[in-house]
């Protein structure tokens, strides 16, 4: 059934018309380690990763966190627009496929603390991982990583404050052995959440840990 494009209002089959979908800010030139958008330099590392590589082995984000993706993600995350979330998650799967990213053995969504989960009613990272699991034919472990501290929101904090905020925030429920694990989140901003989660998983026995996200700020 025809609907209206969430972005431009044109008639569309689904939530976005074809023109708006292809005009999204795809993150095709990014740091191969942290997915930070770069100039047209495929395969390059950003300055931060050159000086101090993160604990995760690679990051992949389908989009730069720019208009209209930022608005669509906020609609998904804060207005519980799960249909928009599914479209963005499918786009992430297509991005991973197009860029021939090695498929993980296990997907682990970044967890919310139980208080935040009760407040929001759903975990946006779990919804993304659910779609990716079907697209990539990968198992999703929803309860392997736990958020054990109700930390303040990361928005508005600088990089060092974000790292302090997430210290000891995660625990791994059981041994995390596996040749290739990918943690899943909605947005990578400074990489602090992915860093803390990857460090926790590697302490629990994980081998390679990548980070997948809809967008990179």
Foldseek 3Di string as FASTA:
>chain_A
DWDAAPAPRHIDDANHHPVVVVPAAFQPAAAFAESHRDPPDHPHHDPVCVVPNFLARGEDAGHACDPPVVVLLCCCQQVVPLSSLLVLLVSLLVSCVVVVPDQFQEEEELDAAPVVCVVRVHASQVSSVVNNCVSRVHYYDDQQKHQPDNFPDPPPDDDVVLLVRCVVRMAGPAQLDGAEYEYTDAEAEPCNSVRSVSVRNVVSPYHHYYYYYNHYD
